[in-house]
Amino acid sequence: FNIPSGSMKSTLLVGDYLFVSKYTYGYSRYSMPLSPPLFSG
């Protein structure tokens, strides 16, 4: 992901590119590309 706004300054700056771990909290439909409604929860 990249940071487009300054709402998290000074922790994250506009122009930061970061990796977000998917496995940390498990998986929902929003973990999938295009967020297909394959399952709930």
PDB file of all heavy atoms in Angstrom:
ATOM      1  N   PHE A   1       0.857  -1.186   0.000  1.00  0.00           N
ATOM      2  CA  PHE A   1       0.000   0.000   0.000  1.00  0.00           C
ATOM      3  C   PHE A   1       0.891   1.232   0.000  1.00  0.00           C
ATOM      4  O   PHE A   1       2.047   1.169   0.437  1.00  0.00           O
ATOM      5  CB  PHE A   1      -0.900   0.041   1.239  1.00  0.00           C
ATOM      6  CG  PHE A   1      -2.037  -0.942   1.226  1.00  0.00           C
ATOM      7  CD1 PHE A   1      -1.861  -2.227   1.710  1.00  0.00           C
ATOM      8  CD2 PHE A   1      -3.281  -0.582   0.734  1.00  0.00           C
ATOM      9  CE1 PHE A   1      -2.898  -3.146   1.701  1.00  0.00           C
ATOM     10  CE2 PHE A   1      -4.331  -1.497   0.725  1.00  0.00           C
ATOM     11  CZ  PHE A   1      -4.138  -2.772   1.213  1.00  0.00           C
ATOM     12  N   ASN A   2       0.359   2.346  -0.463  1.00  0.00           N
ATOM     13  CA  ASN A   2       1.093   3.606  -0.330  1.00  0.00           C
ATOM     14  C   ASN A   2       0.236   4.618   0.413  1.00  0.00           C
ATOM     15  O   ASN A   2      -0.990   4.496   0.469  1.00  0.00           O
ATOM     16  CB  ASN A   2       1.506   4.159  -1.701  1.00  0.00           C
ATOM     17  CG  ASN A   2       0.344   4.720  -2.477  1.00  0.00           C
ATOM     18  OD1 ASN A   2      -0.523   3.985  -2.928  1.00  0.00           O
ATOM     19  ND2 ASN A   2       0.317   6.032  -2.650  1.00  0.00           N
ATOM     20  N   ILE A   3       0.887   5.602   1.000  1.00  0.00           N
ATOM     21  CA  ILE A   3       0.210   6.589   1.846  1.00  0.00           C
ATOM     22  C   ILE A   3      -0.072   7.847   1.029  1.00  0.00           C
ATOM     23  O   ILE A   3       0.861   8.546   0.609  1.00  0.00           O
ATOM     24  CB  ILE A   3       1.075   6.935   3.076  1.00  0.00           C
ATOM     25  CG1 ILE A   3       1.437   5.667   3.849  1.00  0.00           C
ATOM     26  CG2 ILE A   3       0.342   7.931   3.970  1.00  0.00           C
ATOM     27  CD1 ILE A   3       0.255   4.872   4.350  1.00  0.00           C
ATOM     28  N   PRO A   4      -1.362   8.187   0.799  1.00  0.00           N
ATOM     29  CA  PRO A   4      -1.694   9.352  -0.023  1.00  0.00           C
ATOM     30  C   PRO A   4      -2.006  10.622   0.773  1.00  0.00           C
ATOM     31  O   PRO A   4      -2.157  11.687   0.189  1.00  0.00           O
ATOM     32  CB  PRO A   4      -2.941   8.874  -0.771  1.00  0.00           C
ATOM     33  CG  PRO A   4      -3.625   7.980   0.229  1.00  0.00           C
ATOM     34  CD  PRO A   4      -2.533   7.337   1.055  1.00  0.00           C
ATOM     35  N   SER A   5      -2.168  10.503   2.107  1.00  0.00           N
ATOM     36  CA  SER A   5      -2.560  11.671   2.902  1.00  0.00           C
ATOM     37  C   SER A   5      -1.729  11.748   4.184  1.00  0.00           C
ATOM     38  O   SER A   5      -1.014  10.812   4.530  1.00  0.00           O
ATOM     39  CB  SER A   5      -4.050  11.599   3.269  1.00  0.00           C
ATOM     40  OG  SER A   5      -4.266  10.640   4.288  1.00  0.00           O
ATOM     41  N   GLY A   6      -1.843  12.883   4.876  1.00  0.00           N
ATOM     42  CA  GLY A   6      -1.029  13.116   6.058  1.00  0.00           C
ATOM     43  C   GLY A   6      -1.702  12.797   7.373  1.00  0.00           C
ATOM     44  O   GLY A   6      -1.259  13.254   8.423  1.00  0.00           O
ATOM     45  N   SER A   7      -2.758  11.983   7.368  1.00  0.00           N
ATOM     46  CA  SER A   7      -3.516  11.736   8.600  1.00  0.00           C
ATOM     47  C   SER A   7      -2.744  10.924   9.636  1.00  0.00           C
ATOM     48  O   SER A   7      -3.111  10.901  10.806  1.00  0.00           O
ATOM     49  CB  SER A   7      -4.836  11.027   8.277  1.00  0.00           C
ATOM     50  OG  SER A   7      -4.599   9.712   7.812  1.00  0.00           O
ATOM     51  N   MET A   8      -1.670  10.232   9.210  1.00  0.00           N
ATOM     52  CA  MET A   8      -0.887   9.434  10.155  1.00  0.00           C
ATOM     53  C   MET A   8       0.496  10.035  10.426  1.00  0.00           C
ATOM     54  O   MET A   8       1.363   9.368  10.986  1.00  0.00           O
ATOM     55  CB  MET A   8      -0.746   7.998   9.636  1.00  0.00           C
ATOM     56  CG  MET A   8      -1.982   7.148   9.808  1.00  0.00           C
ATOM     57  SD  MET A   8      -2.392   6.843  11.545  1.00  0.00           S
ATOM     58  CE  MET A   8      -1.019   5.799  12.047  1.00  0.00           C
ATOM     59  N   LYS A   9       0.726  11.281  10.012  1.00  0.00           N
ATOM     60  CA  LYS A   9       2.001  11.918  10.322  1.00  0.00           C
ATOM     61  C   LYS A   9       2.150  12.059  11.829  1.00  0.00           C
ATOM     62  O   LYS A   9       1.167  12.299  12.529  1.00  0.00           O
ATOM     63  CB  LYS A   9       2.071  13.309   9.671  1.00  0.00           C
ATOM     64  CG  LYS A   9       2.252  13.276   8.157  1.00  0.00           C
ATOM     65  CD  LYS A   9       2.397  14.679   7.591  1.00  0.00           C
ATOM     66  CE  LYS A   9       2.638  14.646   6.089  1.00  0.00           C
ATOM     67  NZ  LYS A   9       2.763  15.990   5.516  1.00  0.00           N
ATOM     68  N   SER A  10       3.333  11.922  12.425  1.00  0.00           N
ATOM     69  CA  SER A  10       4.573  11.699  11.715  1.00  0.00           C
ATOM     70  C   SER A  10       4.960  10.210  11.613  1.00  0.00           C
ATOM     71  O   SER A  10       6.055   9.881  11.142  1.00  0.00           O
ATOM     72  CB  SER A  10       5.702  12.428  12.434  1.00  0.00           C
ATOM     73  OG  SER A  10       5.850  11.930  13.762  1.00  0.00           O
ATOM     74  N   THR A  11       4.061   9.307  12.036  1.00  0.00           N
ATOM     75  CA  THR A  11       4.341   7.879  11.937  1.00  0.00           C
ATOM     76  C   THR A  11       4.498   7.453  10.489  1.00  0.00           C
ATOM     77  O   THR A  11       5.449   6.749  10.131  1.00  0.00           O
ATOM     78  CB  THR A  11       3.220   7.061  12.601  1.00  0.00           C
ATOM     79  OG1 THR A  11       3.053   7.500  13.956  1.00  0.00           O
ATOM     80  CG2 THR A  11       3.536   5.577  12.577  1.00  0.00           C
ATOM     81  N   LEU A  12       3.563   7.874   9.636  1.00  0.00           N
ATOM     82  CA  LEU A  12       3.596   7.574   8.212  1.00  0.00           C
ATOM     83  C   LEU A  12       3.471   8.880   7.437  1.00  0.00           C
ATOM     84  O   LEU A  12       2.657   9.737   7.789  1.00  0.00           O
ATOM     85  CB  LEU A  12       2.455   6.628   7.831  1.00  0.00           C
ATOM     86  CG  LEU A  12       2.481   5.242   8.486  1.00  0.00           C
ATOM     87  CD1 LEU A  12       1.206   4.478   8.163  1.00  0.00           C
ATOM     88  CD2 LEU A  12       3.709   4.450   8.042  1.00  0.00           C
ATOM     89  N   LEU A  13       4.282   9.008   6.403  1.00  0.00           N
ATOM     90  CA  LEU A  13       4.314  10.227   5.610  1.00  0.00           C
ATOM     91  C   LEU A  13       3.738   9.977   4.223  1.00  0.00           C
ATOM     92  O   LEU A  13       3.759   8.848   3.717  1.00  0.00           O
ATOM     93  CB  LEU A  13       5.749  10.735   5.476  1.00  0.00           C
ATOM     94  CG  LEU A  13       6.526  10.975   6.774  1.00  0.00           C
ATOM     95  CD1 LEU A  13       7.942  11.450   6.452  1.00  0.00           C
ATOM     96  CD2 LEU A  13       5.810  11.988   7.666  1.00  0.00           C
ATOM     97  N   VAL A  14       3.241  11.038   3.605  1.00  0.00           N
ATOM     98  CA  VAL A  14       2.802  10.944   2.215  1.00  0.00           C
ATOM     99  C   VAL A  14       3.999  10.514   1.371  1.00  0.00           C
ATOM    100  O   VAL A  14       5.076  11.095   1.456  1.00  0.00           O
ATOM    101  CB  VAL A  14       2.256  12.295   1.721  1.00  0.00           C
ATOM    102  CG1 VAL A  14       1.893  12.203   0.235  1.00  0.00           C
ATOM    103  CG2 VAL A  14       1.057  12.722   2.541  1.00  0.00           C
ATOM    104  N   GLY A  15       3.802   9.466   0.583  1.00  0.00           N
ATOM    105  CA  GLY A  15       4.900   8.950  -0.226  1.00  0.00           C
ATOM    106  C   GLY A  15       5.550   7.713   0.346  1.00  0.00           C
ATOM    107  O   GLY A  15       6.430   7.125  -0.277  1.00  0.00           O
ATOM    108  N   ASP A  16       5.114   7.280   1.546  1.00  0.00           N
ATOM    109  CA  ASP A  16       5.598   6.012   2.093  1.00  0.00           C
ATOM    110  C   ASP A  16       4.908   4.850   1.384  1.00  0.00           C
ATOM    111  O   ASP A  16       3.699   4.896   1.117  1.00  0.00           O
ATOM    112  CB  ASP A  16       5.287   5.907   3.593  1.00  0.00           C
ATOM    113  CG  ASP A  16       6.239   6.708   4.455  1.00  0.00           C
ATOM    114  OD1 ASP A  16       7.280   7.161   3.947  1.00  0.00           O
ATOM    115  OD2 ASP A  16       5.945   6.870   5.661  1.00  0.00           O
ATOM    116  N   TYR A  17       5.663   3.805   1.092  1.00  0.00           N
ATOM    117  CA  TYR A  17       5.131   2.561   0.543  1.00  0.00           C
ATOM    118  C   TYR A  17       5.408   1.457   1.562  1.00  0.00           C
ATOM    119  O   TYR A  17       6.540   1.340   2.042  1.00  0.00           O
ATOM    120  CB  TYR A  17       5.798   2.211  -0.790  1.00  0.00           C
ATOM    121  CG  TYR A  17       5.398   3.127  -1.927  1.00  0.00           C
ATOM    122  CD1 TYR A  17       5.900   4.423  -2.012  1.00  0.00           C
ATOM    123  CD2 TYR A  17       4.505   2.700  -2.917  1.00  0.00           C
ATOM    124  CE1 TYR A  17       5.530   5.266  -3.058  1.00  0.00           C
ATOM    125  CE2 TYR A  17       4.138   3.534  -3.960  1.00  0.00           C
ATOM    126  CZ  TYR A  17       4.650   4.818  -4.021  1.00  0.00           C
ATOM    127  OH  TYR A  17       4.264   5.655  -5.050  1.00  0.00           O
ATOM    128  N   LEU A  18       4.389   0.699   1.913  1.00  0.00           N
ATOM    129  CA  LEU A  18       4.574  -0.263   2.987  1.00  0.00           C
ATOM    130  C   LEU A  18       3.919  -1.595   2.676  1.00  0.00           C
ATOM    131  O   LEU A  18       3.038  -1.703   1.824  1.00  0.00           O
ATOM    132  CB  LEU A  18       4.031   0.309   4.303  1.00  0.00           C
ATOM    133  CG  LEU A  18       2.639   0.963   4.294  1.00  0.00           C
ATOM    134  CD1 LEU A  18       1.579  -0.069   4.552  1.00  0.00           C
ATOM    135  CD2 LEU A  18       2.570   2.069   5.332  1.00  0.00           C
ATOM    136  N   PHE A  19       4.396  -2.609   3.385  1.00  0.00           N
ATOM    137  CA  PHE A  19       3.803  -3.938   3.300  1.00  0.00           C
ATOM    138  C   PHE A  19       2.821  -4.122   4.458  1.00  0.00           C
ATOM    139  O   PHE A  19       3.132  -3.781   5.609  1.00  0.00           O
ATOM    140  CB  PHE A  19       4.875  -5.026   3.373  1.00  0.00           C
ATOM    141  CG  PHE A  19       5.693  -5.172   2.123  1.00  0.00           C
ATOM    142  CD1 PHE A  19       7.067  -5.095   2.165  1.00  0.00           C
ATOM    143  CD2 PHE A  19       5.078  -5.398   0.904  1.00  0.00           C
ATOM    144  CE1 PHE A  19       7.833  -5.235   1.012  1.00  0.00           C
ATOM    145  CE2 PHE A  19       5.821  -5.541  -0.257  1.00  0.00           C
ATOM    146  CZ  PHE A  19       7.203  -5.457  -0.196  1.00  0.00           C
ATOM    147  N   VAL A  20       1.666  -4.670   4.137  1.00  0.00           N
ATOM    148  CA  VAL A  20       0.633  -4.968   5.134  1.00  0.00           C
ATOM    149  C   VAL A  20       0.467  -6.483   5.194  1.00  0.00           C
ATOM    150  O   VAL A  20       0.273  -7.140   4.169  1.00  0.00           O
ATOM    151  CB  VAL A  20      -0.701  -4.293   4.752  1.00  0.00           C
ATOM    152  CG1 VAL A  20      -1.834  -4.782   5.638  1.00  0.00           C
ATOM    153  CG2 VAL A  20      -0.561  -2.781   4.835  1.00  0.00           C
ATOM    154  N   SER A  21       0.572  -7.038   6.394  1.00  0.00           N
ATOM    155  CA  SER A  21       0.450  -8.489   6.550  1.00  0.00           C
ATOM    156  C   SER A  21      -1.018  -8.889   6.585  1.00  0.00           C
ATOM    157  O   SER A  21      -1.797  -8.352   7.364  1.00  0.00           O
ATOM    158  CB  SER A  21       1.156  -8.953   7.826  1.00  0.00           C
ATOM    159  OG  SER A  21       0.555  -8.388   8.976  1.00  0.00           O
ATOM    160  N   LYS A  22      -1.395  -9.838   5.736  1.00  0.00           N
ATOM    161  CA  LYS A  22      -2.770 -10.313   5.671  1.00  0.00           C
ATOM    162  C   LYS A  22      -3.060 -11.348   6.759  1.00  0.00           C
ATOM    163  O   LYS A  22      -4.180 -11.459   7.253  1.00  0.00           O
ATOM    164  CB  LYS A  22      -3.029 -10.945   4.300  1.00  0.00           C
ATOM    165  CG  LYS A  22      -2.975  -9.990   3.123  1.00  0.00           C
ATOM    166  CD  LYS A  22      -4.165  -9.059   3.124  1.00  0.00           C
ATOM    167  CE  LYS A  22      -4.320  -8.351   1.803  1.00  0.00           C
ATOM    168  NZ  LYS A  22      -4.775  -9.199   0.711  1.00  0.00           N
ATOM    169  N   TYR A  23      -2.064 -12.143   7.104  1.00  0.00           N
ATOM    170  CA  TYR A  23      -2.275 -13.287   7.989  1.00  0.00           C
ATOM    171  C   TYR A  23      -2.435 -12.894   9.453  1.00  0.00           C
ATOM    172  O   TYR A  23      -2.917 -13.684  10.262  1.00  0.00           O
ATOM    173  CB  TYR A  23      -1.094 -14.266   7.866  1.00  0.00           C
ATOM    174  CG  TYR A  23       0.245 -13.631   8.134  1.00  0.00           C
ATOM    175  CD1 TYR A  23       0.743 -13.505   9.429  1.00  0.00           C
ATOM    176  CD2 TYR A  23       1.021 -13.141   7.086  1.00  0.00           C
ATOM    177  CE1 TYR A  23       1.966 -12.905   9.662  1.00  0.00           C
ATOM    178  CE2 TYR A  23       2.242 -12.552   7.323  1.00  0.00           C
ATOM    179  CZ  TYR A  23       2.716 -12.432   8.605  1.00  0.00           C
ATOM    180  OH  TYR A  23       3.922 -11.833   8.841  1.00  0.00           O
ATOM    181  N   THR A  24      -2.047 -11.672   9.831  1.00  0.00           N
ATOM    182  CA  THR A  24      -2.034 -11.280  11.242  1.00  0.00           C
ATOM    183  C   THR A  24      -3.408 -11.409  11.882  1.00  0.00           C
ATOM    184  O   THR A  24      -3.529 -11.881  13.018  1.00  0.00           O
ATOM    185  CB  THR A  24      -1.531  -9.837  11.390  1.00  0.00           C
ATOM    186  OG1 THR A  24      -0.231  -9.732  10.798  1.00  0.00           O
ATOM    187  CG2 THR A  24      -1.438  -9.447  12.861  1.00  0.00           C
ATOM    188  N   TYR A  25      -4.447 -10.983  11.181  1.00  0.00           N
ATOM    189  CA  TYR A  25      -5.804 -11.001  11.736  1.00  0.00           C
ATOM    190  C   TYR A  25      -6.701 -12.020  11.048  1.00  0.00           C
ATOM    191  O   TYR A  25      -7.917 -11.992  11.241  1.00  0.00           O
ATOM    192  CB  TYR A  25      -6.434  -9.612  11.617  1.00  0.00           C
ATOM    193  CG  TYR A  25      -5.585  -8.491  12.166  1.00  0.00           C
ATOM    194  CD1 TYR A  25      -5.273  -7.379  11.391  1.00  0.00           C
ATOM    195  CD2 TYR A  25      -5.076  -8.549  13.459  1.00  0.00           C
ATOM    196  CE1 TYR A  25      -4.494  -6.347  11.882  1.00  0.00           C
ATOM    197  CE2 TYR A  25      -4.285  -7.527  13.963  1.00  0.00           C
ATOM    198  CZ  TYR A  25      -3.999  -6.428  13.165  1.00  0.00           C
ATOM    199  OH  TYR A  25      -3.213  -5.421  13.663  1.00  0.00           O
ATOM    200  N   GLY A  26      -6.144 -12.907  10.249  1.00  0.00           N
ATOM    201  CA  GLY A  26      -6.967 -13.839   9.502  1.00  0.00           C
ATOM    202  C   GLY A  26      -7.497 -13.196   8.230  1.00  0.00           C
ATOM    203  O   GLY A  26      -7.065 -12.119   7.831  1.00  0.00           O
ATOM    204  N   TYR A  27      -8.483 -13.840   7.621  1.00  0.00           N
ATOM    205  CA  TYR A  27      -8.913 -13.436   6.290  1.00  0.00           C
ATOM    206  C   TYR A  27     -10.431 -13.246   6.227  1.00  0.00           C
ATOM    207  O   TYR A  27     -11.190 -14.045   6.759  1.00  0.00           O
ATOM    208  CB  TYR A  27      -8.500 -14.502   5.270  1.00  0.00           C
ATOM    209  CG  TYR A  27      -7.026 -14.846   5.362  1.00  0.00           C
ATOM    210  CD1 TYR A  27      -6.595 -15.944   6.120  1.00  0.00           C
ATOM    211  CD2 TYR A  27      -6.076 -14.060   4.735  1.00  0.00           C
ATOM    212  CE1 TYR A  27      -5.247 -16.242   6.230  1.00  0.00           C
ATOM    213  CE2 TYR A  27      -4.722 -14.358   4.839  1.00  0.00           C
ATOM    214  CZ  TYR A  27      -4.313 -15.446   5.588  1.00  0.00           C
ATOM    215  OH  TYR A  27      -2.981 -15.738   5.703  1.00  0.00           O
ATOM    216  N   SER A  28     -10.820 -12.150   5.565  1.00  0.00           N
ATOM    217  CA  SER A  28     -12.225 -11.916   5.245  1.00  0.00           C
ATOM    218  C   SER A  28     -12.337 -11.733   3.740  1.00  0.00           C
ATOM    219  O   SER A  28     -11.342 -11.829   3.013  1.00  0.00           O
ATOM    220  CB  SER A  28     -12.746 -10.669   5.975  1.00  0.00           C
ATOM    221  OG  SER A  28     -12.213  -9.491   5.379  1.00  0.00           O
ATOM    222  N   ARG A  29     -13.521 -11.428   3.259  1.00  0.00           N
ATOM    223  CA  ARG A  29     -13.693 -11.227   1.815  1.00  0.00           C
ATOM    224  C   ARG A  29     -12.803 -10.096   1.309  1.00  0.00           C
ATOM    225  O   ARG A  29     -12.376 -10.089   0.144  1.00  0.00           O
ATOM    226  CB  ARG A  29     -15.144 -10.913   1.484  1.00  0.00           C
ATOM    227  CG  ARG A  29     -15.715  -9.702   2.203  1.00  0.00           C
ATOM    228  CD  ARG A  29     -17.100  -9.337   1.738  1.00  0.00           C
ATOM    229  NE  ARG A  29     -17.069  -8.804   0.381  1.00  0.00           N
ATOM    230  CZ  ARG A  29     -18.097  -8.139  -0.144  1.00  0.00           C
ATOM    231  NH1 ARG A  29     -19.211  -7.968   0.543  1.00  0.00           N
ATOM    232  NH2 ARG A  29     -18.011  -7.659  -1.369  1.00  0.00           N
ATOM    233  N   TYR A  30     -12.490  -9.139   2.204  1.00  0.00           N
ATOM    234  CA  TYR A  30     -11.676  -8.001   1.790  1.00  0.00           C
ATOM    235  C   TYR A  30     -10.197  -8.348   1.682  1.00  0.00           C
ATOM    236  O   TYR A  30      -9.398  -7.516   1.236  1.00  0.00           O
ATOM    237  CB  TYR A  30     -11.886  -6.836   2.762  1.00  0.00           C
ATOM    238  CG  TYR A  30     -13.305  -6.336   2.751  1.00  0.00           C
ATOM    239  CD1 TYR A  30     -14.141  -6.522   3.860  1.00  0.00           C
ATOM    240  CD2 TYR A  30     -13.831  -5.712   1.629  1.00  0.00           C
ATOM    241  CE1 TYR A  30     -15.456  -6.080   3.838  1.00  0.00           C
ATOM    242  CE2 TYR A  30     -15.148  -5.263   1.608  1.00  0.00           C
ATOM    243  CZ  TYR A  30     -15.951  -5.452   2.717  1.00  0.00           C
ATOM    244  OH  TYR A  30     -17.256  -5.019   2.686  1.00  0.00           O
ATOM    245  N   SER A  31      -9.830  -9.560   2.087  1.00  0.00           N
ATOM    246  CA  SER A  31      -8.454 -10.014   1.888  1.00  0.00           C
ATOM    247  C   SER A  31      -8.206 -10.419   0.441  1.00  0.00           C
ATOM    248  O   SER A  31      -7.054 -10.528   0.016  1.00  0.00           O
ATOM    249  CB  SER A  31      -8.162 -11.210   2.804  1.00  0.00           C
ATOM    250  OG  SER A  31      -8.416 -10.908   4.161  1.00  0.00           O
ATOM    251  N   MET A  32      -9.272 -10.667  -0.292  1.00  0.00           N
ATOM    252  CA  MET A  32      -9.163 -11.168  -1.657  1.00  0.00           C
ATOM    253  C   MET A  32      -9.162 -10.021  -2.664  1.00  0.00           C
ATOM    254  O   MET A  32      -9.821  -9.010  -2.449  1.00  0.00           O
ATOM    255  CB  MET A  32     -10.346 -12.102  -1.971  1.00  0.00           C
ATOM    256  CG  MET A  32     -10.586 -13.182  -0.935  1.00  0.00           C
ATOM    257  SD  MET A  32      -9.200 -14.328  -0.824  1.00  0.00           S
ATOM    258  CE  MET A  32      -9.720 -15.358   0.561  1.00  0.00           C
ATOM    259  N   PRO A  33      -8.437 -10.185  -3.769  1.00  0.00           N
ATOM    260  CA  PRO A  33      -8.541  -9.187  -4.845  1.00  0.00           C
ATOM    261  C   PRO A  33      -9.978  -9.049  -5.320  1.00  0.00           C
ATOM    262  O   PRO A  33     -10.688 -10.045  -5.493  1.00  0.00           O
ATOM    263  CB  PRO A  33      -7.643  -9.772  -5.949  1.00  0.00           C
ATOM    264  CG  PRO A  33      -6.674 -10.655  -5.221  1.00  0.00           C
ATOM    265  CD  PRO A  33      -7.444 -11.237  -4.064  1.00  0.00           C
ATOM    266  N   LEU A  34     -10.431  -7.819  -5.471  1.00  0.00           N
ATOM    267  CA  LEU A  34     -11.796  -7.481  -5.913  1.00  0.00           C
ATOM    268  C   LEU A  34     -12.859  -7.810  -4.867  1.00  0.00           C
ATOM    269  O   LEU A  34     -14.041  -7.613  -5.104  1.00  0.00           O
ATOM    270  CB  LEU A  34     -12.146  -8.177  -7.239  1.00  0.00           C
ATOM    271  CG  LEU A  34     -11.178  -7.919  -8.403  1.00  0.00           C
ATOM    272  CD1 LEU A  34     -11.626  -8.696  -9.632  1.00  0.00           C
ATOM    273  CD2 LEU A  34     -11.067  -6.443  -8.699  1.00  0.00           C
ATOM    274  N   SER A  35     -12.458  -8.337  -3.709  1.00  0.00           N
ATOM    275  CA  SER A  35     -13.371  -8.580  -2.571  1.00  0.00           C
ATOM    276  C   SER A  35     -14.617  -9.377  -2.956  1.00  0.00           C
ATOM    277  O   SER A  35     -15.749  -8.950  -2.690  1.00  0.00           O
ATOM    278  CB  SER A  35     -13.798  -7.254  -1.935  1.00  0.00           C
ATOM    279  OG  SER A  35     -12.679  -6.480  -1.603  1.00  0.00           O
ATOM    280  N   PRO A  36     -14.468 -10.532  -3.575  1.00  0.00           N
ATOM    281  CA  PRO A  36     -15.658 -11.316  -3.955  1.00  0.00           C
ATOM    282  C   PRO A  36     -16.380 -11.830  -2.710  1.00  0.00           C
ATOM    283  O   PRO A  36     -15.749 -12.228  -1.737  1.00  0.00           O
ATOM    284  CB  PRO A  36     -15.055 -12.483  -4.758  1.00  0.00           C
ATOM    285  CG  PRO A  36     -13.672 -12.633  -4.219  1.00  0.00           C
ATOM    286  CD  PRO A  36     -13.212 -11.248  -3.887  1.00  0.00           C
ATOM    287  N   PRO A  37     -17.715 -11.848  -2.713  1.00  0.00           N
ATOM    288  CA  PRO A  37     -18.478 -12.307  -1.548  1.00  0.00           C
ATOM    289  C   PRO A  37     -18.522 -13.829  -1.464  1.00  0.00           C
ATOM    290  O   PRO A  37     -19.587 -14.448  -1.496  1.00  0.00           O
ATOM    291  CB  PRO A  37     -19.863 -11.707  -1.793  1.00  0.00           C
ATOM    292  CG  PRO A  37     -19.964 -11.633  -3.279  1.00  0.00           C
ATOM    293  CD  PRO A  37     -18.584 -11.331  -3.791  1.00  0.00           C
ATOM    294  N   LEU A  38     -17.343 -14.443  -1.322  1.00  0.00           N
ATOM    295  CA  LEU A  38     -17.261 -15.906  -1.294  1.00  0.00           C
ATOM    296  C   LEU A  38     -17.675 -16.469   0.053  1.00  0.00           C
ATOM    297  O   LEU A  38     -18.136 -17.604   0.146  1.00  0.00           O
ATOM    298  CB  LEU A  38     -15.836 -16.356  -1.633  1.00  0.00           C
ATOM    299  CG  LEU A  38     -15.300 -15.937  -3.012  1.00  0.00           C
ATOM    300  CD1 LEU A  38     -13.866 -16.408  -3.193  1.00  0.00           C
ATOM    301  CD2 LEU A  38     -16.198 -16.497  -4.113  1.00  0.00           C
ATOM    302  N   PHE A  39     -17.467 -15.666   1.128  1.00  0.00           N
ATOM    303  CA  PHE A  39     -17.838 -16.126   2.461  1.00  0.00           C
ATOM    304  C   PHE A  39     -18.030 -14.906   3.346  1.00  0.00           C
ATOM    305  O   PHE A  39     -17.640 -13.795   2.996  1.00  0.00           O
ATOM    306  CB  PHE A  39     -16.756 -17.062   3.041  1.00  0.00           C
ATOM    307  CG  PHE A  39     -15.403 -16.423   3.145  1.00  0.00           C
ATOM    308  CD1 PHE A  39     -14.988 -15.800   4.320  1.00  0.00           C
ATOM    309  CD2 PHE A  39     -14.518 -16.449   2.072  1.00  0.00           C
ATOM    310  CE1 PHE A  39     -13.743 -15.217   4.421  1.00  0.00           C
ATOM    311  CE2 PHE A  39     -13.261 -15.876   2.169  1.00  0.00           C
ATOM    312  CZ  PHE A  39     -12.876 -15.260   3.340  1.00  0.00           C
ATOM    313  N   SER A  40     -18.637 -15.118   4.495  1.00  0.00           N
ATOM    314  CA  SER A  40     -18.829 -14.032   5.462  1.00  0.00           C
ATOM    315  C   SER A  40     -17.986 -14.313   6.697  1.00  0.00           C
ATOM    316  O   SER A  40     -17.570 -15.449   6.939  1.00  0.00           O
ATOM    317  CB  SER A  40     -20.306 -13.901   5.844  1.00  0.00           C
ATOM    318  OG  SER A  40     -20.772 -15.106   6.420  1.00  0.00           O
ATOM    319  N   GLY A  41     -17.744 -13.276   7.484  1.00  0.00           N
ATOM    320  CA  GLY A  41     -16.932 -13.435   8.680  1.00  0.00           C
ATOM    321  C   GLY A  41     -15.452 -13.536   8.346  1.00  0.00           C
ATOM    322  O   GLY A  41     -15.006 -13.130   7.268  1.00  0.00           O
TER     323      GLY A  41
END
